[in-house]
Structure formats: C-alpha cells, structure tokens
Protein backbone atom coordinates (compact mmCIF):
# COMPACT_ATOMS: atom_id res chain seq x y z
CA UNK A 1 7.31 131.85 123.11
CA UNK A 2 5.58 129.90 120.11
CA UNK A 3 1.66 130.11 120.60
CA UNK A 4 0.94 126.46 120.29
CA UNK A 5 0.04 123.58 122.41
CA UNK A 6 0.25 119.76 121.92
CA UNK A 7 -2.87 117.77 120.94
CA UNK A 8 -2.55 113.91 121.47
CA UNK A 9 -4.53 111.20 119.85
CA UNK A 10 -2.56 108.22 120.51
CA UNK A 11 -3.62 104.44 120.76
CA UNK A 12 -4.08 103.71 124.52
CA UNK A 13 -3.61 100.06 123.81
CA UNK A 14 -0.05 100.88 122.82
CA UNK A 15 0.88 103.71 124.86
CA UNK A 16 0.31 105.07 128.31
CA UNK A 17 0.92 108.80 129.13
CA UNK A 18 3.06 109.64 132.14
CA UNK A 19 1.60 112.49 133.72
CA UNK A 20 3.69 115.75 133.91
CA UNK A 21 6.49 115.95 136.42
CA UNK A 22 5.54 117.55 139.66
CA UNK A 23 1.85 117.35 139.04
CA UNK A 24 1.16 114.06 140.58
CA UNK A 25 1.80 111.63 143.17
CA UNK A 26 3.74 109.12 141.17
CA UNK A 27 3.81 106.19 143.78
CA UNK A 28 -0.35 106.61 143.78
CA UNK A 29 -0.37 106.87 139.79
CA UNK A 30 1.80 103.66 139.53
CA UNK A 31 -0.29 101.66 142.26
CA UNK A 32 -3.63 102.73 140.28
CA UNK A 33 -2.27 101.97 136.88
CA UNK A 34 -0.63 98.54 137.88
CA UNK A 35 -4.09 97.65 139.44
CA UNK A 36 -6.12 98.46 136.42
CA UNK A 37 -3.63 96.72 134.21
CA UNK A 38 -4.05 93.68 136.50
CA UNK A 39 -7.99 93.82 136.33
CA UNK A 40 -7.77 94.05 132.57
CA UNK A 41 -5.59 91.26 132.24
CA UNK A 42 -7.83 89.11 134.63
CA UNK A 43 -4.90 89.09 137.17
CA UNK A 44 -6.48 91.25 139.72
CA UNK A 45 -6.50 88.21 142.55
CA UNK A 46 -2.55 88.18 142.09
CA UNK A 47 -1.17 90.83 144.12
CA UNK A 48 2.38 89.90 142.63
CA UNK A 49 1.31 91.15 139.08
CA UNK A 50 0.55 94.50 140.35
CA UNK A 51 3.79 94.74 142.31
CA UNK A 52 5.87 93.55 138.94
CA UNK A 53 3.72 96.41 136.99
CA UNK A 54 3.90 98.83 139.69
CA UNK A 55 7.73 98.55 139.97
CA UNK A 56 8.14 98.76 136.03
CA UNK A 57 6.31 101.93 135.87
CA UNK A 58 8.02 103.90 138.55
CA UNK A 59 11.54 102.71 136.90
CA UNK A 60 10.14 104.56 133.49
CA UNK A 61 9.16 107.63 135.67
CA UNK A 62 12.47 107.96 137.32
CA UNK A 63 14.74 107.57 134.39
CA UNK A 64 15.77 109.16 132.18
CA UNK A 65 15.24 112.75 133.93
CA UNK A 66 15.21 115.88 131.83
CA UNK A 67 13.72 119.24 132.01
CA UNK A 68 13.51 119.30 128.29
CA UNK A 69 10.75 116.79 128.24
CA UNK A 70 7.36 118.08 127.14
CA UNK A 71 5.51 114.63 127.74
CA UNK A 72 6.64 111.27 128.52
CA UNK A 73 4.97 107.76 127.20
CA UNK A 74 5.33 104.28 127.67
CA UNK A 75 5.09 101.62 125.02
CA UNK A 76 2.89 98.90 125.88
CA UNK A 77 2.73 97.11 122.39
CA UNK A 78 3.41 93.91 124.39
CA UNK A 79 0.67 93.09 126.87
CA UNK A 80 2.23 94.23 130.40
CA UNK A 81 2.16 90.66 131.42
CA UNK A 82 3.93 89.30 128.77
CA UNK A 83 6.56 92.40 128.11
CA UNK A 84 10.19 91.81 129.72
CA UNK A 85 10.21 95.36 130.32
CA UNK A 86 8.20 98.61 129.38
CA UNK A 87 9.92 101.27 127.08
CA UNK A 88 9.53 105.12 127.96
CA UNK A 89 9.54 107.62 125.15
CA UNK A 90 10.12 111.36 125.80
CA UNK A 91 8.76 114.18 123.59
CA UNK A 92 10.50 117.52 123.53
CA UNK A 93 9.88 120.59 121.20
CA UNK A 94 12.58 122.97 120.60
CA UNK A 95 12.73 125.99 118.42
CA UNK A 96 15.13 125.77 115.44
CA UNK A 97 17.72 127.99 117.31
CA UNK A 98 17.59 125.61 120.26
CA UNK A 99 18.02 122.58 117.94
CA UNK A 100 20.87 124.19 116.31
CA UNK A 101 19.10 124.62 112.84
CA UNK A 102 17.74 120.90 112.78
CA UNK A 103 17.43 118.12 115.50
CA UNK A 104 17.80 115.32 112.70
CA UNK A 105 21.25 117.02 111.77
CA UNK A 106 22.55 117.08 115.08
CA UNK A 107 21.16 113.87 116.79
CA UNK A 108 23.45 111.36 115.09
CA UNK A 109 26.83 112.84 115.51
CA UNK A 110 28.71 110.28 113.45
CA UNK A 111 32.06 111.53 115.22
CA UNK A 112 30.65 110.22 118.57
CA UNK A 113 33.26 107.70 119.87
CA UNK A 114 30.83 105.79 121.62
CA UNK A 115 29.16 104.60 118.38
CA UNK A 116 29.43 101.24 117.38
CA UNK A 117 28.45 101.75 113.76
CA UNK A 118 27.37 104.83 111.75
CA UNK A 119 23.52 105.66 112.64
CA UNK A 120 20.73 104.34 110.55
CA UNK A 121 18.94 107.47 109.39
CA UNK A 122 15.58 107.10 107.39
CA UNK A 123 13.16 109.74 105.96
CA UNK A 124 9.68 109.05 105.52
CA UNK A 125 6.33 110.94 105.17
CA UNK A 126 4.74 111.49 108.50
CA UNK A 127 1.73 113.36 107.28
CA UNK A 128 0.76 114.71 103.57
CA UNK A 129 3.45 117.52 102.78
CA UNK A 130 5.26 116.81 106.43
CA UNK A 131 8.41 114.22 106.33
CA UNK A 132 9.92 112.92 109.45
CA UNK A 133 13.39 111.45 110.25
CA UNK A 134 13.88 108.25 112.03
CA UNK A 135 17.36 107.56 113.48
CA UNK A 136 18.60 104.41 115.25
CA UNK A 137 22.23 104.57 116.73
CA UNK A 138 24.10 101.99 118.45
CA UNK A 139 26.43 103.00 121.31
CA UNK A 140 28.25 101.24 124.04
CA UNK A 141 27.06 101.80 127.27
CA UNK A 142 29.70 102.54 129.49
CA UNK A 143 33.31 101.25 130.06
CA UNK A 144 32.59 97.74 128.74
CA UNK A 145 31.33 96.38 125.41
CA UNK A 146 27.54 96.59 126.48
CA UNK A 147 25.81 97.99 123.71
CA UNK A 148 22.41 99.90 123.89
CA UNK A 149 20.24 101.19 120.82
CA UNK A 150 18.74 104.75 121.03
CA UNK A 151 16.06 105.69 118.56
CA UNK A 152 14.74 109.12 117.57
CA UNK A 153 11.82 110.58 115.50
CA UNK A 154 12.05 114.07 114.68
CA UNK A 155 10.04 116.66 112.48
CA UNK A 156 9.02 120.00 111.87
CA UNK A 157 5.90 120.21 113.28
CA UNK A 158 5.37 123.81 113.08
CA UNK A 159 7.58 126.71 111.19
CA UNK A 160 8.98 127.46 114.48
CA UNK A 161 9.06 124.25 116.24
CA UNK A 162 11.14 121.08 115.80
CA UNK A 163 9.59 118.01 117.73
CA UNK A 164 11.62 115.01 118.80
CA UNK A 165 10.51 111.48 120.07
CA UNK A 166 13.30 109.67 121.87
CA UNK A 167 13.61 106.26 123.22
CA UNK A 168 16.54 103.91 123.88
CA UNK A 169 17.20 100.34 125.56
CA UNK A 170 19.58 97.75 126.13
CA UNK A 171 17.54 95.22 125.02
CA UNK A 172 17.94 95.68 121.41
CA UNK A 173 14.80 93.46 120.43
CA UNK A 174 12.33 95.38 122.43
CA UNK A 175 13.34 98.76 121.01
CA UNK A 176 13.03 97.44 117.49
CA UNK A 177 9.74 95.88 118.33
CA UNK A 178 8.46 99.24 118.91
CA UNK A 179 10.11 100.92 115.97
CA UNK A 180 6.72 101.46 113.95
CA UNK A 181 4.89 102.28 117.24
CA UNK A 182 7.10 105.40 117.51
CA UNK A 183 6.43 106.44 114.18
CA UNK A 184 2.49 106.04 114.88
CA UNK A 185 3.05 108.10 118.13
CA UNK A 186 4.49 110.79 116.47
CA UNK A 187 1.35 110.83 113.78
CA UNK A 188 -0.67 111.22 116.74
CA UNK A 189 1.01 114.28 118.02
CA UNK A 190 -0.12 117.73 116.45
CA UNK A 191 0.37 121.30 117.53
CA UNK A 192 -2.64 123.33 117.65
CA UNK A 193 -3.25 127.15 118.39
CA UNK A 194 -3.34 127.73 122.10
CA UNK A 195 -6.95 129.22 121.68
CA UNK A 196 -8.31 126.13 119.90
CA UNK A 197 -10.66 124.34 122.24
CA UNK A 198 -9.79 120.93 123.72
CA UNK A 199 -12.16 118.08 122.77
C-alpha cells in the first residue's frame, strides 16, 4: 500500500466533486446541489431548472461506474443553466505494475479497431520537474458510425503511483471545451503523506 492520500485544491466554479460511492444518498445530494445551482443562478422560483440540474447530476453519478475510480468530478465550466450537458471526469491512482509500466503508454492502444484515427498525444509540463501526457482519441461508439471522444491526462504523481484523469463524451465540442479545464484539474490534485494534517 502506498502511504499517500489525495489533496484537492480545485476551482469550484469549474468543477463539482461527486461524493464517494456508498458514502452518500445520491438522490438527496443531487436535489440539494440542484437547488443551490438554481439559487446561484437566480432561478430558484423555477422548479423546472432544479429538476433539469438534478437529472443531469444523477446521470453523471451512475455512468460510468468502476471500482477503479478514486474520486469523481463534474465539469461545469459552462454555467449549469447554459450547458447542454455536464461532463464527468474520473480520477484513478495505479501502481506502475497495475498500469503496465505506464498509463500513458497503454491508454491509446493504436491497434484498437474502434479508433477512427490515431490518438492525439501531447506531453506538457504539469508542475516544475513534472510532466504529464494528454491523450484524445476518437472511437466508434457501438455498431454504427457514431463517434465519441475520450480524453485522458496521466502523470506520475509519486515514485510509486501513476495518476489518471479520464473523461469522454459523444458531444465532441463539449469535450474539447473542457480540454484545458482537465489539465487545470490535474494541476490541482496532489499526493501528500497520510500523516500530513488536512487544512
């Protein structure tokens, strides 16, 4: 076991953290969050806005579902009332052995027959002396010609830990709109020793 924990310092105007699975009543959480959004947008009197927000939040909670996710976020870069949809992003931490040596090397899989074109792979500086890789791939969704995009930001957050942020959407413009936000979220996630006091 790696003796570290996550520390988050993300922008709440761009991201909402979804509570850990099994630790919350999601219906109640979605209703309370939707009510707060409606209030912040001066639409509290319109119950229809609350129900729209609530349905979008619940969709983000239930899909996709994986025991691998260490934390989950929703991108709200567009104000909730203006967004066509919310975009969930999932965070995972894996040891190099679990990641097959490197998450970045394994995620694109150019031989995947569902790929529409080779993945777009960019390496950039996440922090001083720490690089990360952003991968965008376009895949056929199902048996038809419908295309969806998946985006990953992966980095070595600890000598024994690879971190990965994963998101995807069939609304390609929505995903590309959040491209830089995903990088900023990655910059806001660090690993600290378990015994470091929380702020």
